[in-house]
Amino acid sequence: MIDPRYLEVLRKIYNRLNNTNVNWVVTGSLGFALQGVPVEPNDIDIQTDQRGAYEIERHFSDFVTKKVRFSSAERIRSHFGELMIDGIKVEIMGDIQKRFEDENWEPPVDLDRHKRVIEVEGMQVAVLSLEYEYQAYLKLGRIEKAEMLRKWMKSKDEFSGSTSSNS
């Protein structure tokens, strides 16, 4: 069960961005929870493209705690900013790129290729597929989180496989 405060903040984000041309998805722990993974979100992560990151900042200017700017770490870079909405941190990440083993950067994430839309309390919310999230966490060396997703997807596949063979 997702803490209702997260769903209330998600609804505020959804209501402000729904009729814009910003291409955005929910990712991270809330994205997992929305897809049934038993995790408790501790923030809301929004992935978009570069333009979308600055557009989201503009639409939520009254909530900005960290202005969007290009930010780079050892294995990941993006146009990153933060909001605080009703006490919940919302991270904005535009044009995320991960670094390959050979030190080159992969192209920015193609959101349309990895997004799926799910219904949440009457909202059509885009999330990144769990398979994509699994691969992304592996690339970032976040093995524990990747393994948690792999095990959950495997158990779900076995469950759905056993029900379909009984029909």
C-alpha atoms as a PDB file:
ATOM      1  CA  MET A   1       0.000   0.000   0.000  1.00  0.00           C
ATOM      2  CA  ILE A   2       1.411   3.376  -1.033  1.00  0.00           C
ATOM      3  CA  ASP A   3       1.274   6.170   1.545  1.00  0.00           C
ATOM      4  CA  PRO A   4      -1.650   8.379   0.406  1.00  0.00           C
ATOM      5  CA  ARG A   5       0.552  11.511   0.712  1.00  0.00           C
ATOM      6  CA  TYR A   6       2.613  10.285  -2.242  1.00  0.00           C
ATOM      7  CA  LEU A   7      -0.501   9.722  -4.324  1.00  0.00           C
ATOM      8  CA  GLU A   8      -1.769  13.227  -3.422  1.00  0.00           C
ATOM      9  CA  VAL A   9       1.506  14.791  -4.560  1.00  0.00           C
ATOM     10  CA  LEU A  10       1.502  12.595  -7.686  1.00  0.00           C
ATOM     11  CA  ARG A  11      -2.012  13.903  -8.439  1.00  0.00           C
ATOM     12  CA  LYS A  12      -0.747  17.516  -8.136  1.00  0.00           C
ATOM     13  CA  ILE A  13       2.099  16.725 -10.549  1.00  0.00           C
ATOM     14  CA  TYR A  14      -0.273  14.923 -12.895  1.00  0.00           C
ATOM     15  CA  ASN A  15      -2.828  17.751 -12.852  1.00  0.00           C
ATOM     16  CA  ARG A  16      -0.216  20.399 -13.704  1.00  0.00           C
ATOM     17  CA  LEU A  17       1.575  18.372 -16.402  1.00  0.00           C
ATOM     18  CA  ASN A  18      -1.256  16.341 -17.928  1.00  0.00           C
ATOM     19  CA  ASN A  19      -2.261  18.895 -20.564  1.00  0.00           C
ATOM     20  CA  THR A  20       1.259  20.057 -21.406  1.00  0.00           C
ATOM     21  CA  ASN A  21       3.621  18.651 -24.017  1.00  0.00           C
ATOM     22  CA  VAL A  22       6.130  17.568 -21.339  1.00  0.00           C
ATOM     23  CA  ASN A  23       7.107  13.919 -21.828  1.00  0.00           C
ATOM     24  CA  TRP A  24       7.529  12.591 -18.275  1.00  0.00           C
ATOM     25  CA  VAL A  25       7.485   9.310 -16.380  1.00  0.00           C
ATOM     26  CA  VAL A  26       7.547   8.280 -12.738  1.00  0.00           C
ATOM     27  CA  THR A  27      10.641   6.250 -11.931  1.00  0.00           C
ATOM     28  CA  GLY A  28      12.441   4.952  -8.842  1.00  0.00           C
ATOM     29  CA  SER A  29      10.683   3.617  -5.767  1.00  0.00           C
ATOM     30  CA  LEU A  30       7.284   5.208  -6.470  1.00  0.00           C
ATOM     31  CA  GLY A  31       7.387   3.854 -10.035  1.00  0.00           C
ATOM     32  CA  PHE A  32       8.133   0.405  -8.592  1.00  0.00           C
ATOM     33  CA  ALA A  33       5.330   0.657  -6.019  1.00  0.00           C
ATOM     34  CA  LEU A  34       2.826   1.805  -8.654  1.00  0.00           C
ATOM     35  CA  GLN A  35       3.652  -1.398 -10.566  1.00  0.00           C
ATOM     36  CA  GLY A  36       3.089  -3.583  -7.507  1.00  0.00           C
ATOM     37  CA  VAL A  37       6.623  -3.983  -6.157  1.00  0.00           C
ATOM     38  CA  PRO A  38       6.415  -4.034  -2.332  1.00  0.00           C
ATOM     39  CA  VAL A  39       8.605  -0.996  -1.575  1.00  0.00           C
ATOM     40  CA  GLU A  40       7.973   2.170   0.394  1.00  0.00           C
ATOM     41  CA  PRO A  41       8.768   5.310  -1.593  1.00  0.00           C
ATOM     42  CA  ASN A  42      10.882   7.945   0.141  1.00  0.00           C
ATOM     43  CA  ASP A  43      10.577  10.543  -2.645  1.00  0.00           C
ATOM     44  CA  ILE A  44       9.104  10.948  -6.126  1.00  0.00           C
ATOM     45  CA  ASP A  45      11.453  10.686  -9.103  1.00  0.00           C
ATOM     46  CA  ILE A  46      10.366  12.197 -12.422  1.00  0.00           C
ATOM     47  CA  GLN A  47      12.313  11.446 -15.593  1.00  0.00           C
ATOM     48  CA  THR A  48      11.937  13.609 -18.665  1.00  0.00           C
ATOM     49  CA  ASP A  49      14.072  15.103 -21.418  1.00  0.00           C
ATOM     50  CA  GLN A  50      16.235  18.221 -21.096  1.00  0.00           C
ATOM     51  CA  ARG A  51      13.489  20.616 -22.179  1.00  0.00           C
ATOM     52  CA  GLY A  52      10.970  18.842 -19.952  1.00  0.00           C
ATOM     53  CA  ALA A  53      13.151  19.277 -16.859  1.00  0.00           C
ATOM     54  CA  TYR A  54      13.140  23.054 -17.248  1.00  0.00           C
ATOM     55  CA  GLU A  55       9.423  23.061 -18.149  1.00  0.00           C
ATOM     56  CA  ILE A  56       8.562  21.085 -14.998  1.00  0.00           C
ATOM     57  CA  GLU A  57      10.626  23.543 -12.962  1.00  0.00           C
ATOM     58  CA  ARG A  58       8.660  26.395 -14.559  1.00  0.00           C
ATOM     59  CA  HIS A  59       5.279  24.737 -13.874  1.00  0.00           C
ATOM     60  CA  PHE A  60       6.279  24.152 -10.231  1.00  0.00           C
ATOM     61  CA  SER A  61       8.295  27.328  -9.621  1.00  0.00           C
ATOM     62  CA  ASP A  62       6.577  27.818  -6.253  1.00  0.00           C
ATOM     63  CA  PHE A  63       7.975  24.447  -5.044  1.00  0.00           C
ATOM     64  CA  VAL A  64      11.602  24.596  -6.296  1.00  0.00           C
ATOM     65  CA  THR A  65      14.237  23.811  -3.653  1.00  0.00           C
ATOM     66  CA  LYS A  66      17.070  23.140  -6.132  1.00  0.00           C
ATOM     67  CA  LYS A  67      16.964  24.774  -9.564  1.00  0.00           C
ATOM     68  CA  VAL A  68      17.389  22.462 -12.547  1.00  0.00           C
ATOM     69  CA  ARG A  69      20.940  22.471 -13.864  1.00  0.00           C
ATOM     70  CA  PHE A  70      23.227  20.045 -15.613  1.00  0.00           C
ATOM     71  CA  SER A  71      24.716  17.719 -13.015  1.00  0.00           C
ATOM     72  CA  SER A  72      27.247  14.946 -13.500  1.00  0.00           C
ATOM     73  CA  ALA A  73      28.531  12.185 -11.233  1.00  0.00           C
ATOM     74  CA  GLU A  74      30.892   9.305 -11.944  1.00  0.00           C
ATOM     75  CA  ARG A  75      28.304   7.015 -13.586  1.00  0.00           C
ATOM     76  CA  ILE A  76      25.257   9.204 -14.288  1.00  0.00           C
ATOM     77  CA  ARG A  77      24.457  12.695 -15.517  1.00  0.00           C
ATOM     78  CA  SER A  78      21.288  14.674 -16.219  1.00  0.00           C
ATOM     79  CA  HIS A  79      19.565  18.027 -15.963  1.00  0.00           C
ATOM     80  CA  PHE A  80      18.663  17.715 -12.300  1.00  0.00           C
ATOM     81  CA  GLY A  81      16.493  19.718  -9.920  1.00  0.00           C
ATOM     82  CA  GLU A  82      14.373  19.248  -6.815  1.00  0.00           C
ATOM     83  CA  LEU A  83      10.946  20.295  -5.634  1.00  0.00           C
ATOM     84  CA  MET A  84       9.333  20.036  -2.213  1.00  0.00           C
ATOM     85  CA  ILE A  85       5.576  19.503  -2.458  1.00  0.00           C
ATOM     86  CA  ASP A  86       3.619  19.021   0.771  1.00  0.00           C
ATOM     87  CA  GLY A  87       6.746  17.812   2.545  1.00  0.00           C
ATOM     88  CA  ILE A  88       7.654  15.250  -0.138  1.00  0.00           C
ATOM     89  CA  LYS A  89      10.850  15.621  -2.169  1.00  0.00           C
ATOM     90  CA  VAL A  90      10.362  15.410  -5.937  1.00  0.00           C
ATOM     91  CA  GLU A  91      13.487  14.920  -8.044  1.00  0.00           C
ATOM     92  CA  ILE A  92      13.459  16.018 -11.682  1.00  0.00           C
ATOM     93  CA  MET A  93      15.914  14.338 -14.049  1.00  0.00           C
ATOM     94  CA  GLY A  94      16.143  15.375 -17.697  1.00  0.00           C
ATOM     95  CA  ASP A  95      18.039  13.478 -20.398  1.00  0.00           C
ATOM     96  CA  ILE A  96      19.607  10.962 -18.029  1.00  0.00           C
ATOM     97  CA  GLN A  97      22.760   9.330 -19.368  1.00  0.00           C
ATOM     98  CA  LYS A  98      24.694   6.461 -17.836  1.00  0.00           C
ATOM     99  CA  ARG A  99      28.422   5.882 -18.364  1.00  0.00           C
ATOM    100  CA  PHE A 100      29.503   2.680 -20.079  1.00  0.00           C
ATOM    101  CA  GLU A 101      32.401   0.568 -18.790  1.00  0.00           C
ATOM    102  CA  ASP A 102      34.571   2.053 -21.586  1.00  0.00           C
ATOM    103  CA  GLU A 103      34.021   5.542 -20.068  1.00  0.00           C
ATOM    104  CA  ASN A 104      31.745   6.716 -22.920  1.00  0.00           C
ATOM    105  CA  TRP A 105      28.250   7.990 -22.147  1.00  0.00           C
ATOM    106  CA  GLU A 106      25.184   6.220 -23.517  1.00  0.00           C
ATOM    107  CA  PRO A 107      22.635   8.374 -25.357  1.00  0.00           C
ATOM    108  CA  PRO A 108      19.902   9.941 -23.179  1.00  0.00           C
ATOM    109  CA  VAL A 109      17.176   7.503 -22.138  1.00  0.00           C
ATOM    110  CA  ASP A 110      14.466   7.070 -24.789  1.00  0.00           C
ATOM    111  CA  LEU A 111      11.454   7.422 -22.491  1.00  0.00           C
ATOM    112  CA  ASP A 112       8.901   6.429 -25.138  1.00  0.00           C
ATOM    113  CA  ARG A 113      10.699   3.136 -25.708  1.00  0.00           C
ATOM    114  CA  HIS A 114      10.625   2.124 -22.032  1.00  0.00           C
ATOM    115  CA  LYS A 115       7.446   3.734 -20.740  1.00  0.00           C
ATOM    116  CA  ARG A 116       4.239   1.988 -19.859  1.00  0.00           C
ATOM    117  CA  VAL A 117       1.047   3.706 -18.787  1.00  0.00           C
ATOM    118  CA  ILE A 118      -0.841   2.454 -15.756  1.00  0.00           C
ATOM    119  CA  GLU A 119      -4.049   3.641 -14.156  1.00  0.00           C
ATOM    120  CA  VAL A 120      -3.704   5.017 -10.649  1.00  0.00           C
ATOM    121  CA  GLU A 121      -6.795   6.414  -8.951  1.00  0.00           C
ATOM    122  CA  GLY A 122      -8.269   7.567 -12.267  1.00  0.00           C
ATOM    123  CA  MET A 123      -4.973   8.994 -13.568  1.00  0.00           C
ATOM    124  CA  GLN A 124      -3.130   7.582 -16.576  1.00  0.00           C
ATOM    125  CA  VAL A 125       0.428   7.676 -15.202  1.00  0.00           C
ATOM    126  CA  ALA A 126       3.513   6.830 -17.253  1.00  0.00           C
ATOM    127  CA  VAL A 127       6.186   4.747 -15.502  1.00  0.00           C
ATOM    128  CA  LEU A 128       9.392   3.136 -16.723  1.00  0.00           C
ATOM    129  CA  SER A 129       9.107  -0.618 -17.227  1.00  0.00           C
ATOM    130  CA  LEU A 130      10.573  -2.728 -14.444  1.00  0.00           C
ATOM    131  CA  GLU A 131      12.768  -4.553 -16.966  1.00  0.00           C
ATOM    132  CA  TYR A 132      14.309  -1.228 -18.022  1.00  0.00           C
ATOM    133  CA  GLU A 133      14.726  -0.175 -14.361  1.00  0.00           C
ATOM    134  CA  TYR A 134      16.452  -3.498 -13.618  1.00  0.00           C
ATOM    135  CA  GLN A 135      18.928  -2.976 -16.475  1.00  0.00           C
ATOM    136  CA  ALA A 136      19.522   0.668 -15.468  1.00  0.00           C
ATOM    137  CA  TYR A 137      20.344  -0.267 -11.854  1.00  0.00           C
ATOM    138  CA  LEU A 138      22.751  -2.959 -13.091  1.00  0.00           C
ATOM    139  CA  LYS A 139      24.552  -0.386 -15.286  1.00  0.00           C
ATOM    140  CA  LEU A 140      24.826   1.972 -12.314  1.00  0.00           C
ATOM    141  CA  GLY A 141      26.323  -0.782 -10.163  1.00  0.00           C
ATOM    142  CA  ARG A 142      23.349  -0.701  -7.790  1.00  0.00           C
ATOM    143  CA  ILE A 143      23.245  -4.481  -7.616  1.00  0.00           C
ATOM    144  CA  GLU A 144      21.059  -4.820  -4.514  1.00  0.00           C
ATOM    145  CA  LYS A 145      18.221  -2.791  -6.031  1.00  0.00           C
ATOM    146  CA  ALA A 146      18.607  -4.570  -9.397  1.00  0.00           C
ATOM    147  CA  GLU A 147      18.479  -7.955  -7.665  1.00  0.00           C
ATOM    148  CA  MET A 148      15.354  -6.962  -5.713  1.00  0.00           C
ATOM    149  CA  LEU A 149      13.624  -6.046  -8.991  1.00  0.00           C
ATOM    150  CA  ARG A 150      14.817  -9.235 -10.722  1.00  0.00           C
ATOM    151  CA  LYS A 151      13.476 -11.422  -7.914  1.00  0.00           C
ATOM    152  CA  TRP A 152      10.140  -9.603  -7.881  1.00  0.00           C
ATOM    153  CA  MET A 153       9.744  -9.866 -11.676  1.00  0.00           C
ATOM    154  CA  LYS A 154      10.714 -13.553 -11.553  1.00  0.00           C
ATOM    155  CA  SER A 155       8.175 -14.326  -8.816  1.00  0.00           C
ATOM    156  CA  LYS A 156       5.504 -12.431 -10.749  1.00  0.00           C
ATOM    157  CA  ASP A 157       6.317 -14.357 -13.940  1.00  0.00           C
ATOM    158  CA  GLU A 158       6.132 -17.679 -12.092  1.00  0.00           C
ATOM    159  CA  PHE A 159       2.818 -16.668 -10.543  1.00  0.00           C
ATOM    160  CA  SER A 160       1.257 -15.554 -13.821  1.00  0.00           C
ATOM    161  CA  GLY A 161       2.740 -18.602 -15.552  1.00  0.00           C
ATOM    162  CA  SER A 162       1.131 -20.984 -13.076  1.00  0.00           C
ATOM    163  CA  THR A 163      -2.286 -19.333 -13.366  1.00  0.00           C
ATOM    164  CA  SER A 164      -2.264 -19.398 -17.146  1.00  0.00           C
ATOM    165  CA  SER A 165      -1.384 -23.108 -17.260  1.00  0.00           C
ATOM    166  CA  ASN A 166      -4.437 -23.865 -15.087  1.00  0.00           C
ATOM    167  CA  SER A 167      -6.906 -22.245 -17.460  1.00  0.00           C
END
